[in-house]
């Protein structure tokens, strides 16, 4: 399993970023996928998920601002992040539900 998150960067509060996750080595189309965030000095926590069928979940702190989507044919998942806040700062990782493999994350920094 290989997972590569990309698309992070430095933005001002209120800005937007779109993260991508490219997956390989798995049958992506049948897997639930998660986006995690690891804020400085804190544990990784799930911020959004999407099932194989496209049902989505976002934690309350990002609901209405973040949108998770996927393209099973391309084994790719995205996280559209809008109205970014400084508390969204962290390293973002994508992960396949039920498989304990972490790829390289992507840094998101939101300035106030």
Protein backbone atom coordinates (compact mmCIF):
# COMPACT_ATOMS: atom_id res chain seq x y z
CA UNK A 1 0.00 0.00 0.00
CA UNK A 2 1.30 3.43 -0.92
CA UNK A 3 -0.43 6.67 -0.09
CA UNK A 4 0.80 10.08 -1.14
CA UNK A 5 -0.87 13.24 0.07
CA UNK A 6 -0.09 16.51 -1.70
CA UNK A 7 -1.41 20.00 -2.22
CA UNK A 8 -0.61 21.59 1.11
CA UNK A 9 0.83 25.05 1.50
CA UNK A 10 0.76 28.34 3.31
CA UNK A 11 -2.43 30.39 3.16
CA UNK A 12 -4.01 33.26 5.01
CA UNK A 13 -7.08 32.80 7.14
CA UNK A 14 -10.13 32.53 4.91
CA UNK A 15 -8.20 31.00 2.06
CA UNK A 16 -8.62 27.66 0.33
CA UNK A 17 -6.52 24.64 -0.50
CA UNK A 18 -7.23 21.38 -2.26
CA UNK A 19 -5.42 18.31 -1.04
CA UNK A 20 -4.98 15.19 -3.14
CA UNK A 21 -4.32 11.61 -2.11
CA UNK A 22 -2.98 9.13 -4.62
CA UNK A 23 -3.31 5.50 -3.59
CA UNK A 24 -1.70 2.39 -5.02
CA UNK A 25 -1.36 -1.21 -4.02
CA UNK A 26 -4.96 -1.53 -2.87
CA UNK A 27 -8.36 -2.08 -4.41
CA UNK A 28 -9.16 1.57 -3.87
CA UNK A 29 -12.71 1.31 -5.14
CA UNK A 30 -13.89 -0.84 -2.23
CA UNK A 31 -12.13 1.01 0.57
CA UNK A 32 -13.29 3.69 2.93
CA UNK A 33 -10.69 6.44 3.02
CA UNK A 34 -9.91 8.90 5.78
CA UNK A 35 -8.19 12.28 6.02
CA UNK A 36 -6.27 12.86 9.23
CA UNK A 37 -4.75 16.02 10.62
CA UNK A 38 -1.87 16.22 13.04
CA UNK A 39 -1.62 19.63 14.60
CA UNK A 40 1.68 20.70 16.18
CA UNK A 41 2.21 18.78 19.42
CA UNK A 42 -1.02 16.83 19.08
CA UNK A 43 -2.14 13.40 17.97
CA UNK A 44 -3.46 12.63 14.54
CA UNK A 45 -7.22 12.89 14.34
CA UNK A 46 -9.69 12.12 11.61
CA UNK A 47 -11.21 15.18 10.00
CA UNK A 48 -13.08 13.63 7.06
CA UNK A 49 -13.98 10.27 5.58
CA UNK A 50 -15.52 8.89 2.42
CA UNK A 51 -16.89 5.42 1.80
CA UNK A 52 -16.44 3.43 -1.38
CA UNK A 53 -19.90 4.53 -2.43
CA UNK A 54 -19.22 8.19 -1.83
CA UNK A 55 -20.90 8.75 1.52
CA UNK A 56 -18.98 11.41 3.38
CA UNK A 57 -18.37 12.42 6.96
CA UNK A 58 -16.69 15.51 8.36
CA UNK A 59 -16.02 16.37 11.98
CA UNK A 60 -17.97 19.29 13.36
CA UNK A 61 -14.99 21.64 13.34
CA UNK A 62 -14.69 21.45 9.54
CA UNK A 63 -18.25 20.71 8.51
CA UNK A 64 -19.49 23.20 5.97
CA UNK A 65 -15.93 24.22 5.09
CA UNK A 66 -14.27 20.98 3.96
CA UNK A 67 -15.52 18.67 1.23
CA UNK A 68 -14.11 15.19 0.65
CA UNK A 69 -14.47 13.48 -2.72
CA UNK A 70 -12.95 10.60 -4.67
CA UNK A 71 -12.49 9.12 -8.11
CA UNK A 72 -12.29 5.36 -7.86
CA UNK A 73 -11.12 5.00 -11.46
CA UNK A 74 -8.10 7.15 -10.63
CA UNK A 75 -7.54 5.79 -7.12
CA UNK A 76 -7.53 9.35 -5.92
CA UNK A 77 -9.21 11.23 -3.11
CA UNK A 78 -9.40 14.95 -2.53
CA UNK A 79 -10.06 17.29 0.36
CA UNK A 80 -11.31 20.73 -0.64
CA UNK A 81 -10.66 23.06 2.27
CA UNK A 82 -12.39 26.42 2.27
CA UNK A 83 -12.61 29.25 4.79
CA UNK A 84 -9.43 28.00 6.39
CA UNK A 85 -8.68 28.94 9.97
CA UNK A 86 -5.40 28.97 11.90
CA UNK A 87 -6.62 25.95 13.87
CA UNK A 88 -6.67 23.96 10.62
CA UNK A 89 -2.88 24.11 10.61
CA UNK A 90 -1.16 20.75 10.66
CA UNK A 91 0.15 17.89 8.60
CA UNK A 92 -2.61 16.16 6.66
CA UNK A 93 -2.45 12.46 5.92
CA UNK A 94 -4.69 10.15 3.96
CA UNK A 95 -5.25 6.61 5.11
CA UNK A 96 -7.12 3.52 4.06
CA UNK A 97 -9.59 2.45 6.73
CA UNK A 98 -8.46 -0.82 8.33
CA UNK A 99 -4.93 -0.81 6.93
CA UNK A 100 -2.24 0.47 9.27
CA UNK A 101 -0.09 2.13 6.67
CA UNK A 102 0.71 5.84 6.69
CA UNK A 103 2.09 7.68 3.74
CA UNK A 104 3.85 10.99 3.65
CA UNK A 105 1.60 13.82 4.72
CA UNK A 106 1.32 17.33 3.42
CA UNK A 107 1.79 20.45 5.52
CA UNK A 108 -0.99 23.01 5.74
CA UNK A 109 -0.25 26.29 7.47
CA UNK A 110 -2.93 28.92 7.94
CA UNK A 111 -1.87 32.33 9.15
CA UNK A 112 -4.17 34.64 11.07
